[in-house]
Amino acid sequence: MLRPEILGDHIDTFRYFNQDKRKDDFRLIKATLYKRVEKMPVFIGCEIDPDPEECSKKKLIDLLYNNIHYPAEAKKQRIQGVVYAKYVVRQDGSVGNARIDRGIGGGCDEEVLRFISLLPRYTPGYQDGKAVPVQMTLPVKFRLMK
């Protein structure tokens, strides 16, 4: 059995409509954030695949190729390299808390964050039969053609 990798506490904000106050309200949720769990988050539809993680990886690569654009400023400055981003797949499968871990500038970092905001809902990660938040790492390579 796979041992989970725990990153620490995870505080998330959930927005909801408060009937009593008749307005939007916010609630803080504290949970343990994981890096690796028994059942990793995968794109919806991949959970029935013989190798759900590989299926999810392929779908993510397809989404990258079809949705990432090389920023004009980065082309102009001939910026190349790998942007490392992290995001959290929450217990409900939604994606949030995106941040750049290591960027390269020229608009590439912002482009990766824009891409993450487009990601579809996941089937959440599970540890001990319970849905848990899982931090995902996304490396995106920007390379100019010669």
N, C-alpha and C. Protein backbone atom coordinates (compact mmCIF):
# COMPACT_ATOMS: atom_id res chain seq x y z
N MET A 1 0.83 -1.18 0.00
CA MET A 1 0.00 0.00 0.00
C MET A 1 0.88 1.25 0.00
N LEU A 2 0.52 2.25 -0.79
CA LEU A 2 1.26 3.48 -0.94
C LEU A 2 1.12 4.37 0.29
N ARG A 3 2.24 4.84 0.82
CA ARG A 3 2.19 5.78 1.94
C ARG A 3 1.91 7.17 1.40
N PRO A 4 1.00 7.89 2.03
CA PRO A 4 0.70 9.23 1.55
C PRO A 4 1.83 10.20 1.86
N GLU A 5 1.98 11.21 1.00
CA GLU A 5 2.93 12.29 1.26
C GLU A 5 2.12 13.50 1.68
N ILE A 6 2.32 13.93 2.92
CA ILE A 6 1.56 15.06 3.45
C ILE A 6 2.41 16.31 3.35
N LEU A 7 1.81 17.39 2.84
CA LEU A 7 2.51 18.67 2.73
C LEU A 7 2.25 19.56 3.94
N GLY A 8 1.11 19.38 4.60
CA GLY A 8 0.78 20.22 5.75
C GLY A 8 -0.67 20.64 5.72
N ASP A 9 -0.99 21.67 6.50
CA ASP A 9 -2.36 22.16 6.54
C ASP A 9 -2.68 22.97 5.30
N HIS A 10 -3.93 22.88 4.87
CA HIS A 10 -4.42 23.59 3.70
C HIS A 10 -5.65 24.37 4.12
N ILE A 11 -5.60 25.68 3.95
CA ILE A 11 -6.74 26.53 4.25
C ILE A 11 -7.33 26.96 2.92
N ASP A 12 -8.62 26.76 2.74
CA ASP A 12 -9.29 27.13 1.50
C ASP A 12 -10.53 27.95 1.84
N THR A 13 -10.90 28.83 0.96
CA THR A 13 -12.08 29.67 1.14
C THR A 13 -13.19 29.17 0.23
N PHE A 14 -14.36 28.94 0.79
CA PHE A 14 -15.51 28.54 0.00
C PHE A 14 -16.56 29.64 0.05
N ARG A 15 -17.06 29.99 -1.12
CA ARG A 15 -18.10 31.02 -1.23
C ARG A 15 -19.44 30.33 -1.30
N TYR A 16 -20.40 30.83 -0.56
CA TYR A 16 -21.75 30.25 -0.59
C TYR A 16 -22.77 31.35 -0.31
N PHE A 17 -24.04 31.07 -0.62
CA PHE A 17 -25.10 32.04 -0.38
C PHE A 17 -25.69 31.78 0.99
N ASN A 18 -25.62 32.79 1.86
CA ASN A 18 -26.15 32.70 3.22
C ASN A 18 -27.62 33.11 3.19
N GLN A 19 -28.53 32.15 3.40
CA GLN A 19 -29.98 32.41 3.34
C GLN A 19 -30.41 33.41 4.40
N ASP A 20 -29.86 33.28 5.62
CA ASP A 20 -30.25 34.17 6.72
C ASP A 20 -29.90 35.62 6.43
N LYS A 21 -28.70 35.85 5.93
CA LYS A 21 -28.26 37.22 5.65
C LYS A 21 -28.64 37.67 4.24
N ARG A 22 -29.10 36.72 3.42
CA ARG A 22 -29.50 36.95 2.04
C ARG A 22 -28.38 37.61 1.21
N LYS A 23 -27.17 37.08 1.41
CA LYS A 23 -26.01 37.57 0.64
C LYS A 23 -24.95 36.48 0.58
N ASP A 24 -23.99 36.72 -0.30
CA ASP A 24 -22.87 35.79 -0.39
C ASP A 24 -22.04 35.87 0.88
N ASP A 25 -21.53 34.74 1.29
CA ASP A 25 -20.70 34.67 2.48
C ASP A 25 -19.53 33.75 2.18
N PHE A 26 -18.55 33.74 3.05
CA PHE A 26 -17.37 32.92 2.86
C PHE A 26 -17.12 32.08 4.10
N ARG A 27 -16.56 30.91 3.88
CA ARG A 27 -16.23 30.03 4.99
C ARG A 27 -14.83 29.48 4.75
N LEU A 28 -14.02 29.46 5.80
CA LEU A 28 -12.69 28.89 5.71
C LEU A 28 -12.75 27.42 6.08
N ILE A 29 -12.10 26.59 5.27
CA ILE A 29 -12.05 25.16 5.52
C ILE A 29 -10.59 24.78 5.70
N LYS A 30 -10.30 24.06 6.77
CA LYS A 30 -8.93 23.59 7.01
C LYS A 30 -8.90 22.09 6.81
N ALA A 31 -7.92 21.64 6.02
CA ALA A 31 -7.77 20.21 5.75
C ALA A 31 -6.28 19.92 5.59
N THR A 32 -5.94 18.66 5.60
CA THR A 32 -4.55 18.26 5.35
C THR A 32 -4.34 18.25 3.84
N LEU A 33 -3.26 18.88 3.39
CA LEU A 33 -2.93 18.91 1.97
C LEU A 33 -1.92 17.79 1.68
N TYR A 34 -2.21 17.04 0.64
CA TYR A 34 -1.36 15.91 0.26
C TYR A 34 -0.65 16.19 -1.06
N LYS A 35 0.49 15.52 -1.23
CA LYS A 35 1.22 15.55 -2.50
C LYS A 35 1.01 14.24 -3.24
N ARG A 36 0.87 13.16 -2.48
CA ARG A 36 0.66 11.83 -3.05
C ARG A 36 -0.33 11.10 -2.16
N VAL A 37 -1.34 10.46 -2.77
CA VAL A 37 -2.36 9.73 -2.02
C VAL A 37 -2.60 8.37 -2.67
N GLU A 38 -3.38 7.53 -1.97
CA GLU A 38 -3.68 6.18 -2.48
C GLU A 38 -4.27 6.24 -3.89
N LYS A 39 -5.21 7.15 -4.07
CA LYS A 39 -5.88 7.30 -5.37
C LYS A 39 -5.74 8.76 -5.78
N MET A 40 -4.85 9.01 -6.73
CA MET A 40 -4.56 10.38 -7.16
C MET A 40 -5.74 10.97 -7.96
N PRO A 41 -5.86 12.31 -7.95
CA PRO A 41 -6.90 12.94 -8.77
C PRO A 41 -6.65 12.65 -10.25
N VAL A 42 -7.72 12.43 -10.97
CA VAL A 42 -7.64 12.20 -12.41
C VAL A 42 -8.79 12.93 -13.10
N PHE A 43 -8.62 13.20 -14.38
CA PHE A 43 -9.69 13.84 -15.13
C PHE A 43 -10.91 12.92 -15.18
N ILE A 44 -12.07 13.53 -15.16
CA ILE A 44 -13.31 12.76 -15.23
C ILE A 44 -13.30 11.96 -16.53
N GLY A 45 -13.63 10.68 -16.41
CA GLY A 45 -13.60 9.76 -17.54
C GLY A 45 -12.39 8.84 -17.48
N CYS A 46 -11.32 9.31 -16.85
CA CYS A 46 -10.10 8.50 -16.73
C CYS A 46 -10.17 7.48 -15.60
N GLU A 47 -11.09 7.68 -14.66
CA GLU A 47 -11.16 6.77 -13.51
C GLU A 47 -11.53 5.34 -13.93
N ILE A 48 -12.12 5.18 -15.12
CA ILE A 48 -12.49 3.84 -15.60
C ILE A 48 -11.42 3.23 -16.50
N ASP A 49 -10.37 4.00 -16.81
CA ASP A 49 -9.27 3.53 -17.64
C ASP A 49 -8.42 2.54 -16.85
N PRO A 50 -7.80 1.55 -17.52
CA PRO A 50 -6.91 0.62 -16.80
C PRO A 50 -5.77 1.33 -16.07
N ASP A 51 -5.28 2.45 -16.62
CA ASP A 51 -4.25 3.24 -15.97
C ASP A 51 -4.76 4.69 -15.88
N PRO A 52 -5.56 4.99 -14.85
CA PRO A 52 -6.19 6.31 -14.73
C PRO A 52 -5.21 7.49 -14.73
N GLU A 53 -4.07 7.33 -14.05
CA GLU A 53 -3.10 8.43 -13.99
C GLU A 53 -2.48 8.71 -15.36
N GLU A 54 -2.18 7.67 -16.12
CA GLU A 54 -1.61 7.83 -17.47
C GLU A 54 -2.64 8.48 -18.40
N CYS A 55 -3.89 8.05 -18.31
CA CYS A 55 -4.98 8.62 -19.10
C CYS A 55 -5.10 10.12 -18.81
N SER A 56 -5.06 10.47 -17.53
CA SER A 56 -5.18 11.86 -17.12
C SER A 56 -4.00 12.70 -17.62
N LYS A 57 -2.81 12.11 -17.56
CA LYS A 57 -1.61 12.78 -18.05
C LYS A 57 -1.73 13.08 -19.55
N LYS A 58 -2.21 12.11 -20.33
CA LYS A 58 -2.38 12.30 -21.77
C LYS A 58 -3.40 13.40 -22.06
N LYS A 59 -4.50 13.41 -21.31
CA LYS A 59 -5.52 14.45 -21.51
C LYS A 59 -4.96 15.83 -21.18
N LEU A 60 -4.15 15.92 -20.13
CA LEU A 60 -3.54 17.18 -19.73
C LEU A 60 -2.59 17.68 -20.83
N ILE A 61 -1.81 16.78 -21.40
CA ILE A 61 -0.89 17.15 -22.48
C ILE A 61 -1.68 17.64 -23.70
N ASP A 62 -2.78 16.94 -24.03
CA ASP A 62 -3.63 17.39 -25.15
C ASP A 62 -4.17 18.80 -24.88
N LEU A 63 -4.64 19.02 -23.66
CA LEU A 63 -5.15 20.35 -23.31
C LEU A 63 -4.06 21.41 -23.42
N LEU A 64 -2.86 21.07 -22.98
CA LEU A 64 -1.73 22.01 -23.09
C LEU A 64 -1.46 22.39 -24.54
N TYR A 65 -1.32 21.38 -25.39
CA TYR A 65 -1.02 21.65 -26.80
C TYR A 65 -2.09 22.49 -27.47
N ASN A 66 -3.33 22.32 -27.07
CA ASN A 66 -4.44 23.04 -27.71
C ASN A 66 -4.76 24.38 -27.08
N ASN A 67 -4.21 24.67 -25.89
CA ASN A 67 -4.62 25.89 -25.20
C ASN A 67 -3.50 26.83 -24.76
N ILE A 68 -2.25 26.38 -24.76
CA ILE A 68 -1.14 27.26 -24.35
C ILE A 68 -0.67 28.05 -25.57
N HIS A 69 -0.47 29.34 -25.36
CA HIS A 69 0.02 30.21 -26.43
C HIS A 69 1.34 30.83 -25.98
N TYR A 70 2.29 30.88 -26.89
CA TYR A 70 3.59 31.48 -26.58
C TYR A 70 3.37 33.00 -26.54
N PRO A 71 3.60 33.64 -25.41
CA PRO A 71 3.37 35.08 -25.31
C PRO A 71 4.26 35.87 -26.27
N ALA A 72 3.69 36.92 -26.87
CA ALA A 72 4.42 37.74 -27.83
C ALA A 72 5.67 38.36 -27.21
N GLU A 73 5.55 38.81 -25.96
CA GLU A 73 6.70 39.42 -25.29
C GLU A 73 7.84 38.42 -25.11
N ALA A 74 7.49 37.18 -24.79
CA ALA A 74 8.50 36.13 -24.62
C ALA A 74 9.18 35.82 -25.95
N LYS A 75 8.40 35.81 -27.03
CA LYS A 75 8.98 35.58 -28.37
C LYS A 75 9.93 36.71 -28.72
N LYS A 76 9.47 37.94 -28.47
CA LYS A 76 10.26 39.11 -28.80
C LYS A 76 11.59 39.11 -28.06
N GLN A 77 11.56 38.72 -26.79
CA GLN A 77 12.77 38.69 -25.96
C GLN A 77 13.53 37.37 -26.08
N ARG A 78 12.99 36.45 -26.88
CA ARG A 78 13.57 35.12 -27.09
C ARG A 78 13.72 34.35 -25.77
N ILE A 79 12.68 34.46 -24.93
CA ILE A 79 12.67 33.77 -23.64
C ILE A 79 12.24 32.33 -23.84
N GLN A 80 13.02 31.42 -23.28
CA GLN A 80 12.72 30.00 -23.34
C GLN A 80 12.96 29.40 -21.96
N GLY A 81 12.35 28.24 -21.72
CA GLY A 81 12.59 27.56 -20.45
C GLY A 81 11.34 26.85 -19.96
N VAL A 82 11.39 26.43 -18.72
CA VAL A 82 10.28 25.68 -18.12
C VAL A 82 9.69 26.48 -16.97
N VAL A 83 8.37 26.64 -17.01
CA VAL A 83 7.62 27.26 -15.92
C VAL A 83 7.08 26.12 -15.06
N TYR A 84 7.34 26.18 -13.76
CA TYR A 84 6.81 25.18 -12.83
C TYR A 84 5.70 25.82 -12.02
N ALA A 85 4.51 25.25 -12.13
CA ALA A 85 3.35 25.76 -11.41
C ALA A 85 2.80 24.67 -10.50
N LYS A 86 2.10 25.11 -9.46
CA LYS A 86 1.42 24.18 -8.56
C LYS A 86 -0.02 24.63 -8.43
N TYR A 87 -0.90 23.65 -8.27
CA TYR A 87 -2.30 23.95 -8.03
C TYR A 87 -2.87 22.83 -7.17
N VAL A 88 -4.03 23.07 -6.59
CA VAL A 88 -4.65 22.10 -5.71
C VAL A 88 -5.94 21.58 -6.33
N VAL A 89 -6.09 20.26 -6.33
CA VAL A 89 -7.36 19.65 -6.69
C VAL A 89 -8.08 19.44 -5.37
N ARG A 90 -9.17 20.18 -5.20
CA ARG A 90 -9.92 20.15 -3.93
C ARG A 90 -10.72 18.86 -3.79
N GLN A 91 -11.32 18.70 -2.60
CA GLN A 91 -12.12 17.51 -2.31
C GLN A 91 -13.29 17.34 -3.26
N ASP A 92 -13.79 18.43 -3.84
CA ASP A 92 -14.92 18.33 -4.77
C ASP A 92 -14.45 18.19 -6.22
N GLY A 93 -13.13 18.14 -6.43
CA GLY A 93 -12.58 17.98 -7.78
C GLY A 93 -12.28 19.29 -8.49
N SER A 94 -12.68 20.42 -7.90
CA SER A 94 -12.39 21.70 -8.53
C SER A 94 -10.91 22.04 -8.35
N VAL A 95 -10.43 22.95 -9.19
CA VAL A 95 -9.03 23.34 -9.20
C VAL A 95 -8.90 24.73 -8.61
N GLY A 96 -7.91 24.93 -7.73
CA GLY A 96 -7.70 26.25 -7.15
C GLY A 96 -6.29 26.41 -6.63
N ASN A 97 -6.05 27.55 -6.02
CA ASN A 97 -4.78 27.86 -5.38
C ASN A 97 -3.58 27.71 -6.33
N ALA A 98 -3.75 28.15 -7.57
CA ALA A 98 -2.67 28.06 -8.55
C ALA A 98 -1.61 29.11 -8.26
N ARG A 99 -0.36 28.68 -8.39
CA ARG A 99 0.75 29.61 -8.18
C ARG A 99 1.96 29.14 -8.99
N ILE A 100 2.82 30.09 -9.29
CA ILE A 100 4.05 29.78 -10.01
C ILE A 100 5.12 29.45 -8.98
N ASP A 101 5.73 28.30 -9.12
CA ASP A 101 6.81 27.88 -8.23
C ASP A 101 8.15 28.41 -8.73
N ARG A 102 8.33 28.33 -10.06
CA ARG A 102 9.54 28.85 -10.70
C ARG A 102 9.16 29.33 -12.10
N GLY A 103 9.31 30.62 -12.33
CA GLY A 103 8.90 31.19 -13.60
C GLY A 103 10.06 31.61 -14.47
N ILE A 104 9.71 32.07 -15.69
CA ILE A 104 10.74 32.52 -16.63
C ILE A 104 10.44 33.92 -17.17
N GLY A 105 9.27 34.48 -16.84
CA GLY A 105 8.94 35.84 -17.26
C GLY A 105 8.43 35.93 -18.68
N GLY A 106 8.36 37.17 -19.18
CA GLY A 106 7.92 37.43 -20.55
C GLY A 106 6.46 37.09 -20.82
N GLY A 107 5.67 36.93 -19.76
CA GLY A 107 4.27 36.58 -19.92
C GLY A 107 4.01 35.08 -19.86
N CYS A 108 5.08 34.27 -19.82
CA CYS A 108 4.92 32.81 -19.78
C CYS A 108 4.27 32.35 -18.48
N ASP A 109 4.68 32.97 -17.38
CA ASP A 109 4.11 32.59 -16.07
C ASP A 109 2.60 32.84 -16.06
N GLU A 110 2.20 34.01 -16.54
CA GLU A 110 0.78 34.36 -16.59
C GLU A 110 0.01 33.43 -17.52
N GLU A 111 0.65 33.01 -18.60
CA GLU A 111 0.00 32.10 -19.55
C GLU A 111 -0.26 30.74 -18.90
N VAL A 112 0.66 30.27 -18.09
CA VAL A 112 0.47 28.99 -17.40
C VAL A 112 -0.67 29.11 -16.38
N LEU A 113 -0.73 30.22 -15.65
CA LEU A 113 -1.82 30.44 -14.70
C LEU A 113 -3.17 30.52 -15.42
N ARG A 114 -3.18 31.16 -16.59
CA ARG A 114 -4.41 31.23 -17.39
C ARG A 114 -4.84 29.82 -17.80
N PHE A 115 -3.89 29.02 -18.22
CA PHE A 115 -4.18 27.64 -18.62
C PHE A 115 -4.78 26.86 -17.45
N ILE A 116 -4.18 26.97 -16.27
CA ILE A 116 -4.68 26.24 -15.10
C ILE A 116 -6.12 26.64 -14.79
N SER A 117 -6.45 27.91 -15.01
CA SER A 117 -7.82 28.37 -14.74
C SER A 117 -8.83 27.73 -15.70
N LEU A 118 -8.36 27.19 -16.81
CA LEU A 118 -9.24 26.54 -17.79
C LEU A 118 -9.43 25.04 -17.54
N LEU A 119 -8.66 24.48 -16.61
CA LEU A 119 -8.72 23.03 -16.38
C LEU A 119 -10.11 22.60 -15.94
N PRO A 120 -10.56 21.47 -16.47
CA PRO A 120 -11.88 20.96 -16.06
C PRO A 120 -11.81 20.34 -14.66
N ARG A 121 -12.96 20.04 -14.13
CA ARG A 121 -13.07 19.40 -12.82
C ARG A 121 -12.43 18.01 -12.89
N TYR A 122 -11.80 17.62 -11.82
CA TYR A 122 -11.18 16.31 -11.68
C TYR A 122 -12.08 15.39 -10.87
N THR A 123 -11.80 14.09 -10.93
CA THR A 123 -12.28 13.17 -9.92
C THR A 123 -11.26 13.34 -8.80
N PRO A 124 -11.69 13.71 -7.59
CA PRO A 124 -10.72 14.06 -6.54
C PRO A 124 -9.83 12.90 -6.12
N GLY A 125 -8.77 13.26 -5.40
CA GLY A 125 -7.88 12.26 -4.83
C GLY A 125 -8.48 11.70 -3.55
N TYR A 126 -8.12 10.46 -3.23
CA TYR A 126 -8.67 9.79 -2.04
C TYR A 126 -7.55 9.21 -1.19
N GLN A 127 -7.71 9.37 0.12
CA GLN A 127 -6.83 8.75 1.10
C GLN A 127 -7.73 8.16 2.18
N ASP A 128 -7.52 6.89 2.48
CA ASP A 128 -8.34 6.18 3.47
C ASP A 128 -9.84 6.27 3.15
N GLY A 129 -10.18 6.20 1.86
CA GLY A 129 -11.58 6.21 1.43
C GLY A 129 -12.26 7.57 1.49
N LYS A 130 -11.49 8.62 1.74
CA LYS A 130 -12.05 9.95 1.89
C LYS A 130 -11.41 10.91 0.88
N ALA A 131 -12.23 11.75 0.22
CA ALA A 131 -11.71 12.74 -0.72
C ALA A 131 -10.87 13.76 0.05
N VAL A 132 -9.68 14.07 -0.48
CA VAL A 132 -8.76 14.99 0.18
C VAL A 132 -8.17 15.95 -0.86
N PRO A 133 -7.72 17.15 -0.42
CA PRO A 133 -7.05 18.06 -1.35
C PRO A 133 -5.64 17.55 -1.69
N VAL A 134 -5.30 17.63 -2.97
CA VAL A 134 -4.00 17.15 -3.43
C VAL A 134 -3.33 18.24 -4.26
N GLN A 135 -2.08 18.53 -3.92
CA GLN A 135 -1.32 19.51 -4.69
C GLN A 135 -0.69 18.84 -5.90
N MET A 136 -0.89 19.45 -7.05
CA MET A 136 -0.35 18.93 -8.30
C MET A 136 0.73 19.89 -8.79
N THR A 137 1.74 19.35 -9.47
CA THR A 137 2.81 20.17 -10.06
C THR A 137 2.70 20.06 -11.57
N LEU A 138 2.81 21.21 -12.24
CA LEU A 138 2.70 21.25 -13.70
C LEU A 138 3.91 21.96 -14.29
N PRO A 139 4.82 21.22 -14.94
CA PRO A 139 5.91 21.87 -15.66
C PRO A 139 5.47 22.15 -17.11
N VAL A 140 5.68 23.37 -17.57
CA VAL A 140 5.32 23.73 -18.95
C VAL A 140 6.55 24.30 -19.63
N LYS A 141 6.98 23.61 -20.71
CA LYS A 141 8.19 24.02 -21.43
C LYS A 141 7.84 24.97 -22.56
N PHE A 142 8.52 26.09 -22.59
CA PHE A 142 8.40 27.07 -23.68
C PHE A 142 9.71 27.03 -24.45
N ARG A 143 9.60 26.68 -25.74
CA ARG A 143 10.80 26.58 -26.58
C ARG A 143 10.50 27.16 -27.95
N LEU A 144 11.34 28.07 -28.40
CA LEU A 144 11.19 28.67 -29.72
C LEU A 144 11.75 27.75 -30.78
N MET A 145 11.06 27.69 -31.90
CA MET A 145 11.57 26.90 -33.03
C MET A 145 12.61 27.72 -33.76
N LYS A 146 13.60 27.02 -34.32
CA LYS A 146 14.69 27.72 -35.03
C LYS A 146 14.30 28.03 -36.44
